[in-house]
Amino acid sequence: WGMTPGESVQQPMFGAPLYPNQRP
């Protein structure tokens, strides 16, 4: 997407929960 690293780390993120029975 051509972002600088500084622009990128400012973006909202998604992730996986620590426990598999929880929602992303």
PDB file of all heavy atoms in Angstrom:
ATOM      1  N   TRP A   1       0.809  -1.224   0.000  1.00  0.00           N
ATOM      2  CA  TRP A   1       0.000   0.000   0.000  1.00  0.00           C
ATOM      3  C   TRP A   1       0.835   1.263   0.000  1.00  0.00           C
ATOM      4  O   TRP A   1       0.308   2.370  -0.027  1.00  0.00           O
ATOM      5  CB  TRP A   1      -0.969   0.000   1.185  1.00  0.00           C
ATOM      6  CG  TRP A   1      -1.911  -1.162   1.136  1.00  0.00           C
ATOM      7  CD1 TRP A   1      -1.924  -2.253   1.966  1.00  0.00           C
ATOM      8  CD2 TRP A   1      -2.970  -1.391   0.199  1.00  0.00           C
ATOM      9  NE1 TRP A   1      -2.907  -3.125   1.593  1.00  0.00           N
ATOM     10  CE2 TRP A   1      -3.565  -2.625   0.506  1.00  0.00           C
ATOM     11  CE3 TRP A   1      -3.451  -0.675  -0.884  1.00  0.00           C
ATOM     12  CZ2 TRP A   1      -4.633  -3.145  -0.222  1.00  0.00           C
ATOM     13  CZ3 TRP A   1      -4.513  -1.193  -1.612  1.00  0.00           C
ATOM     14  CH2 TRP A   1      -5.088  -2.418  -1.272  1.00  0.00           C
ATOM     15  N   GLY A   2       2.164   1.140   0.046  1.00  0.00           N
ATOM     16  CA  GLY A   2       3.052   2.291  -0.087  1.00  0.00           C
ATOM     17  C   GLY A   2       3.140   3.208   1.114  1.00  0.00           C
ATOM     18  O   GLY A   2       3.605   4.337   1.001  1.00  0.00           O
ATOM     19  N   MET A   3       2.717   2.743   2.270  1.00  0.00           N
ATOM     20  CA  MET A   3       2.828   3.570   3.475  1.00  0.00           C
ATOM     21  C   MET A   3       4.265   3.552   3.984  1.00  0.00           C
ATOM     22  O   MET A   3       5.005   2.606   3.747  1.00  0.00           O
ATOM     23  CB  MET A   3       1.926   3.022   4.585  1.00  0.00           C
ATOM     24  CG  MET A   3       0.463   3.119   4.322  1.00  0.00           C
ATOM     25  SD  MET A   3      -0.455   2.469   5.755  1.00  0.00           S
ATOM     26  CE  MET A   3      -2.061   2.271   5.002  1.00  0.00           C
ATOM     27  N   THR A   4       4.646   4.608   4.688  1.00  0.00           N
ATOM     28  CA  THR A   4       5.916   4.570   5.415  1.00  0.00           C
ATOM     29  C   THR A   4       5.683   3.729   6.669  1.00  0.00           C
ATOM     30  O   THR A   4       4.521   3.552   7.098  1.00  0.00           O
ATOM     31  CB  THR A   4       6.367   5.982   5.836  1.00  0.00           C
ATOM     32  OG1 THR A   4       5.441   6.489   6.806  1.00  0.00           O
ATOM     33  CG2 THR A   4       6.479   6.921   4.636  1.00  0.00           C
ATOM     34  N   PRO A   5       6.742   3.211   7.294  1.00  0.00           N
ATOM     35  CA  PRO A   5       6.537   2.477   8.541  1.00  0.00           C
ATOM     36  C   PRO A   5       5.805   3.317   9.593  1.00  0.00           C
ATOM     37  O   PRO A   5       4.965   2.814  10.330  1.00  0.00           O
ATOM     38  CB  PRO A   5       7.955   2.115   8.986  1.00  0.00           C
ATOM     39  CG  PRO A   5       8.719   2.035   7.713  1.00  0.00           C
ATOM     40  CD  PRO A   5       8.134   3.129   6.845  1.00  0.00           C
ATOM     41  N   GLY A   6       6.114   4.613   9.649  1.00  0.00           N
ATOM     42  CA  GLY A   6       5.442   5.487  10.608  1.00  0.00           C
ATOM     43  C   GLY A   6       3.949   5.600  10.366  1.00  0.00           C
ATOM     44  O   GLY A   6       3.156   5.612  11.310  1.00  0.00           O
ATOM     45  N   GLU A   7       3.548   5.687   9.100  1.00  0.00           N
ATOM     46  CA  GLU A   7       2.121   5.719   8.774  1.00  0.00           C
ATOM     47  C   GLU A   7       1.465   4.384   9.113  1.00  0.00           C
ATOM     48  O   GLU A   7       0.358   4.331   9.633  1.00  0.00           O
ATOM     49  CB  GLU A   7       1.914   6.016   7.292  1.00  0.00           C
ATOM     50  CG  GLU A   7       2.312   7.410   6.877  1.00  0.00           C
ATOM     51  CD  GLU A   7       2.385   7.580   5.362  1.00  0.00           C
ATOM     52  OE1 GLU A   7       2.616   6.595   4.627  1.00  0.00           O
ATOM     53  OE2 GLU A   7       2.210   8.731   4.929  1.00  0.00           O
ATOM     54  N   SER A   8       2.174   3.315   8.823  1.00  0.00           N
ATOM     55  CA  SER A   8       1.609   1.984   9.017  1.00  0.00           C
ATOM     56  C   SER A   8       1.309   1.677  10.482  1.00  0.00           C
ATOM     57  O   SER A   8       0.235   1.181  10.803  1.00  0.00           O
ATOM     58  CB  SER A   8       2.555   0.924   8.448  1.00  0.00           C
ATOM     59  OG  SER A   8       2.013  -0.363   8.631  1.00  0.00           O
ATOM     60  N   VAL A   9       2.265   1.962  11.374  1.00  0.00           N
ATOM     61  CA  VAL A   9       2.044   1.605  12.783  1.00  0.00           C
ATOM     62  C   VAL A   9       0.947   2.442  13.435  1.00  0.00           C
ATOM     63  O   VAL A   9       0.485   2.108  14.526  1.00  0.00           O
ATOM     64  CB  VAL A   9       3.344   1.659  13.624  1.00  0.00           C
ATOM     65  CG1 VAL A   9       4.352   0.654  13.116  1.00  0.00           C
ATOM     66  CG2 VAL A   9       3.925   3.064  13.679  1.00  0.00           C
ATOM     67  N   GLN A  10       0.518   3.505  12.771  1.00  0.00           N
ATOM     68  CA  GLN A  10      -0.580   4.334  13.279  1.00  0.00           C
ATOM     69  C   GLN A  10      -1.951   3.771  12.898  1.00  0.00           C
ATOM     70  O   GLN A  10      -2.975   4.226  13.409  1.00  0.00           O
ATOM     71  CB  GLN A  10      -0.463   5.762  12.745  1.00  0.00           C
ATOM     72  CG  GLN A  10       0.795   6.479  13.158  1.00  0.00           C
ATOM     73  CD  GLN A  10       0.835   6.793  14.643  1.00  0.00           C
ATOM     74  OE1 GLN A  10      -0.186   7.024  15.274  1.00  0.00           O
ATOM     75  NE2 GLN A  10       2.021   6.794  15.212  1.00  0.00           N
ATOM     76  N   GLN A  11      -2.001   2.797  12.003  1.00  0.00           N
ATOM     77  CA  GLN A  11      -3.270   2.255  11.505  1.00  0.00           C
ATOM     78  C   GLN A  11      -3.925   1.335  12.537  1.00  0.00           C
ATOM     79  O   GLN A  11      -3.234   0.633  13.263  1.00  0.00           O
ATOM     80  CB  GLN A  11      -3.038   1.464  10.209  1.00  0.00           C
ATOM     81  CG  GLN A  11      -2.432   2.263   9.088  1.00  0.00           C
ATOM     82  CD  GLN A  11      -3.263   3.470   8.722  1.00  0.00           C
ATOM     83  OE1 GLN A  11      -4.462   3.352   8.479  1.00  0.00           O
ATOM     84  NE2 GLN A  11      -2.636   4.624   8.669  1.00  0.00           N
ATOM     85  N   PRO A  12      -5.259   1.318  12.586  1.00  0.00           N
ATOM     86  CA  PRO A  12      -5.955   0.362  13.444  1.00  0.00           C
ATOM     87  C   PRO A  12      -5.635  -1.067  13.010  1.00  0.00           C
ATOM     88  O   PRO A  12      -5.447  -1.331  11.819  1.00  0.00           O
ATOM     89  CB  PRO A  12      -7.432   0.672  13.211  1.00  0.00           C
ATOM     90  CG  PRO A  12      -7.471   2.034  12.625  1.00  0.00           C
ATOM     91  CD  PRO A  12      -6.184   2.198  11.864  1.00  0.00           C
ATOM     92  N   MET A  13      -5.579  -1.972  13.967  1.00  0.00           N
ATOM     93  CA  MET A  13      -5.191  -3.351  13.705  1.00  0.00           C
ATOM     94  C   MET A  13      -6.272  -4.336  14.146  1.00  0.00           C
ATOM     95  O   MET A  13      -7.165  -4.013  14.911  1.00  0.00           O
ATOM     96  CB  MET A  13      -3.905  -3.689  14.465  1.00  0.00           C
ATOM     97  CG  MET A  13      -2.705  -2.892  14.042  1.00  0.00           C
ATOM     98  SD  MET A  13      -2.069  -3.479  12.466  1.00  0.00           S
ATOM     99  CE  MET A  13      -1.369  -1.983  11.830  1.00  0.00           C
ATOM    100  N   PHE A  14      -6.143  -5.570  13.654  1.00  0.00           N
ATOM    101  CA  PHE A  14      -6.968  -6.679  14.117  1.00  0.00           C
ATOM    102  C   PHE A  14      -6.028  -7.779  14.579  1.00  0.00           C
ATOM    103  O   PHE A  14      -4.839  -7.767  14.271  1.00  0.00           O
ATOM    104  CB  PHE A  14      -7.901  -7.192  13.019  1.00  0.00           C
ATOM    105  CG  PHE A  14      -7.197  -7.711  11.802  1.00  0.00           C
ATOM    106  CD1 PHE A  14      -6.741  -9.022  11.749  1.00  0.00           C
ATOM    107  CD2 PHE A  14      -6.971  -6.891  10.713  1.00  0.00           C
ATOM    108  CE1 PHE A  14      -6.074  -9.504  10.635  1.00  0.00           C
ATOM    109  CE2 PHE A  14      -6.314  -7.362   9.590  1.00  0.00           C
ATOM    110  CZ  PHE A  14      -5.856  -8.675   9.553  1.00  0.00           C
ATOM    111  N   GLY A  15      -6.556  -8.723  15.352  1.00  0.00           N
ATOM    112  CA  GLY A  15      -5.698  -9.802  15.831  1.00  0.00           C
ATOM    113  C   GLY A  15      -6.470 -10.970  16.391  1.00  0.00           C
ATOM    114  O   GLY A  15      -7.700 -10.950  16.476  1.00  0.00           O
ATOM    115  N   ALA A  16      -5.722 -11.978  16.766  1.00  0.00           N
ATOM    116  CA  ALA A  16      -6.294 -13.206  17.321  1.00  0.00           C
ATOM    117  C   ALA A  16      -6.227 -13.153  18.841  1.00  0.00           C
ATOM    118  O   ALA A  16      -5.261 -12.661  19.406  1.00  0.00           O
ATOM    119  CB  ALA A  16      -5.511 -14.416  16.815  1.00  0.00           C
ATOM    120  N   PRO A  17      -7.244 -13.683  19.503  1.00  0.00           N
ATOM    121  CA  PRO A  17      -7.215 -13.720  20.961  1.00  0.00           C
ATOM    122  C   PRO A  17      -6.231 -14.775  21.459  1.00  0.00           C
ATOM    123  O   PRO A  17      -5.884 -15.706  20.730  1.00  0.00           O
ATOM    124  CB  PRO A  17      -8.648 -14.090  21.326  1.00  0.00           C
ATOM    125  CG  PRO A  17      -9.127 -14.877  20.164  1.00  0.00           C
ATOM    126  CD  PRO A  17      -8.456 -14.277  18.963  1.00  0.00           C
ATOM    127  N   LEU A  18      -5.795 -14.630  22.693  1.00  0.00           N
ATOM    128  CA  LEU A  18      -4.887 -15.590  23.302  1.00  0.00           C
ATOM    129  C   LEU A  18      -5.551 -16.955  23.455  1.00  0.00           C
ATOM    130  O   LEU A  18      -4.920 -17.984  23.277  1.00  0.00           O
ATOM    131  CB  LEU A  18      -4.412 -15.063  24.657  1.00  0.00           C
ATOM    132  CG  LEU A  18      -3.331 -15.855  25.366  1.00  0.00           C
ATOM    133  CD1 LEU A  18      -2.089 -15.995  24.497  1.00  0.00           C
ATOM    134  CD2 LEU A  18      -2.964 -15.182  26.680  1.00  0.00           C
ATOM    135  N   TYR A  19      -6.836 -16.946  23.772  1.00  0.00           N
ATOM    136  CA  TYR A  19      -7.569 -18.197  23.965  1.00  0.00           C
ATOM    137  C   TYR A  19      -8.441 -18.467  22.750  1.00  0.00           C
ATOM    138  O   TYR A  19      -9.199 -17.600  22.316  1.00  0.00           O
ATOM    139  CB  TYR A  19      -8.409 -18.118  25.237  1.00  0.00           C
ATOM    140  CG  TYR A  19      -7.557 -17.852  26.447  1.00  0.00           C
ATOM    141  CD1 TYR A  19      -7.481 -16.575  26.991  1.00  0.00           C
ATOM    142  CD2 TYR A  19      -6.798 -18.862  26.999  1.00  0.00           C
ATOM    143  CE1 TYR A  19      -6.668 -16.319  28.083  1.00  0.00           C
ATOM    144  CE2 TYR A  19      -5.979 -18.620  28.089  1.00  0.00           C
ATOM    145  CZ  TYR A  19      -5.917 -17.351  28.629  1.00  0.00           C
ATOM    146  OH  TYR A  19      -5.102 -17.097  29.699  1.00  0.00           O
ATOM    147  N   PRO A  20      -8.367 -19.655  22.167  1.00  0.00           N
ATOM    148  CA  PRO A  20      -9.072 -19.940  20.910  1.00  0.00           C
ATOM    149  C   PRO A  20     -10.601 -19.892  20.999  1.00  0.00           C
ATOM    150  O   PRO A  20     -11.260 -19.787  19.980  1.00  0.00           O
ATOM    151  CB  PRO A  20      -8.587 -21.344  20.535  1.00  0.00           C
ATOM    152  CG  PRO A  20      -7.960 -21.897  21.747  1.00  0.00           C
ATOM    153  CD  PRO A  20      -7.578 -20.769  22.639  1.00  0.00           C
ATOM    154  N   ASN A  21     -11.176 -19.933  22.176  1.00  0.00           N
ATOM    155  CA  ASN A  21     -12.637 -19.909  22.274  1.00  0.00           C
ATOM    156  C   ASN A  21     -13.189 -18.485  22.302  1.00  0.00           C
ATOM    157  O   ASN A  21     -14.382 -18.300  22.468  1.00  0.00           O
ATOM    158  CB  ASN A  21     -13.095 -20.683  23.510  1.00  0.00           C
ATOM    159  CG  ASN A  21     -12.577 -20.074  24.808  1.00  0.00           C
ATOM    160  OD1 ASN A  21     -11.617 -19.315  24.802  1.00  0.00           O
ATOM    161  ND2 ASN A  21     -13.198 -20.423  25.906  1.00  0.00           N
ATOM    162  N   GLN A  22     -12.339 -17.486  22.133  1.00  0.00           N
ATOM    163  CA  GLN A  22     -12.789 -16.101  22.113  1.00  0.00           C
ATOM    164  C   GLN A  22     -12.853 -15.587  20.678  1.00  0.00           C
ATOM    165  O   GLN A  22     -12.245 -16.136  19.774  1.00  0.00           O
ATOM    166  CB  GLN A  22     -11.851 -15.226  22.941  1.00  0.00           C
ATOM    167  CG  GLN A  22     -11.885 -15.562  24.411  1.00  0.00           C
ATOM    168  CD  GLN A  22     -10.945 -14.659  25.202  1.00  0.00           C
ATOM    169  OE1 GLN A  22     -10.235 -13.826  24.650  1.00  0.00           O
ATOM    170  NE2 GLN A  22     -10.936 -14.843  26.512  1.00  0.00           N
ATOM    171  N   ARG A  23     -13.602 -14.501  20.505  1.00  0.00           N
ATOM    172  CA  ARG A  23     -13.759 -13.898  19.178  1.00  0.00           C
ATOM    173  C   ARG A  23     -12.489 -13.170  18.755  1.00  0.00           C
ATOM    174  O   ARG A  23     -11.743 -12.683  19.591  1.00  0.00           O
ATOM    175  CB  ARG A  23     -14.917 -12.908  19.201  1.00  0.00           C
ATOM    176  CG  ARG A  23     -16.262 -13.580  19.408  1.00  0.00           C
ATOM    177  CD  ARG A  23     -17.367 -12.576  19.410  1.00  0.00           C
ATOM    178  NE  ARG A  23     -17.308 -11.853  20.693  1.00  0.00           N
ATOM    179  CZ  ARG A  23     -17.986 -10.754  20.965  1.00  0.00           C
ATOM    180  NH1 ARG A  23     -18.775 -10.228  20.067  1.00  0.00           N
ATOM    181  NH2 ARG A  23     -17.889 -10.177  22.125  1.00  0.00           N
ATOM    182  N   PRO A  24     -12.254 -13.053  17.439  1.00  0.00           N
ATOM    183  CA  PRO A  24     -11.126 -12.247  16.958  1.00  0.00           C
ATOM    184  C   PRO A  24     -11.268 -10.811  17.468  1.00  0.00           C
ATOM    185  O   PRO A  24     -12.381 -10.317  17.652  1.00  0.00           O
ATOM    186  CB  PRO A  24     -11.267 -12.293  15.437  1.00  0.00           C
ATOM    187  CG  PRO A  24     -12.115 -13.474  15.154  1.00  0.00           C
ATOM    188  CD  PRO A  24     -13.014 -13.642  16.338  1.00  0.00           C
TER     189      PRO A  24
END
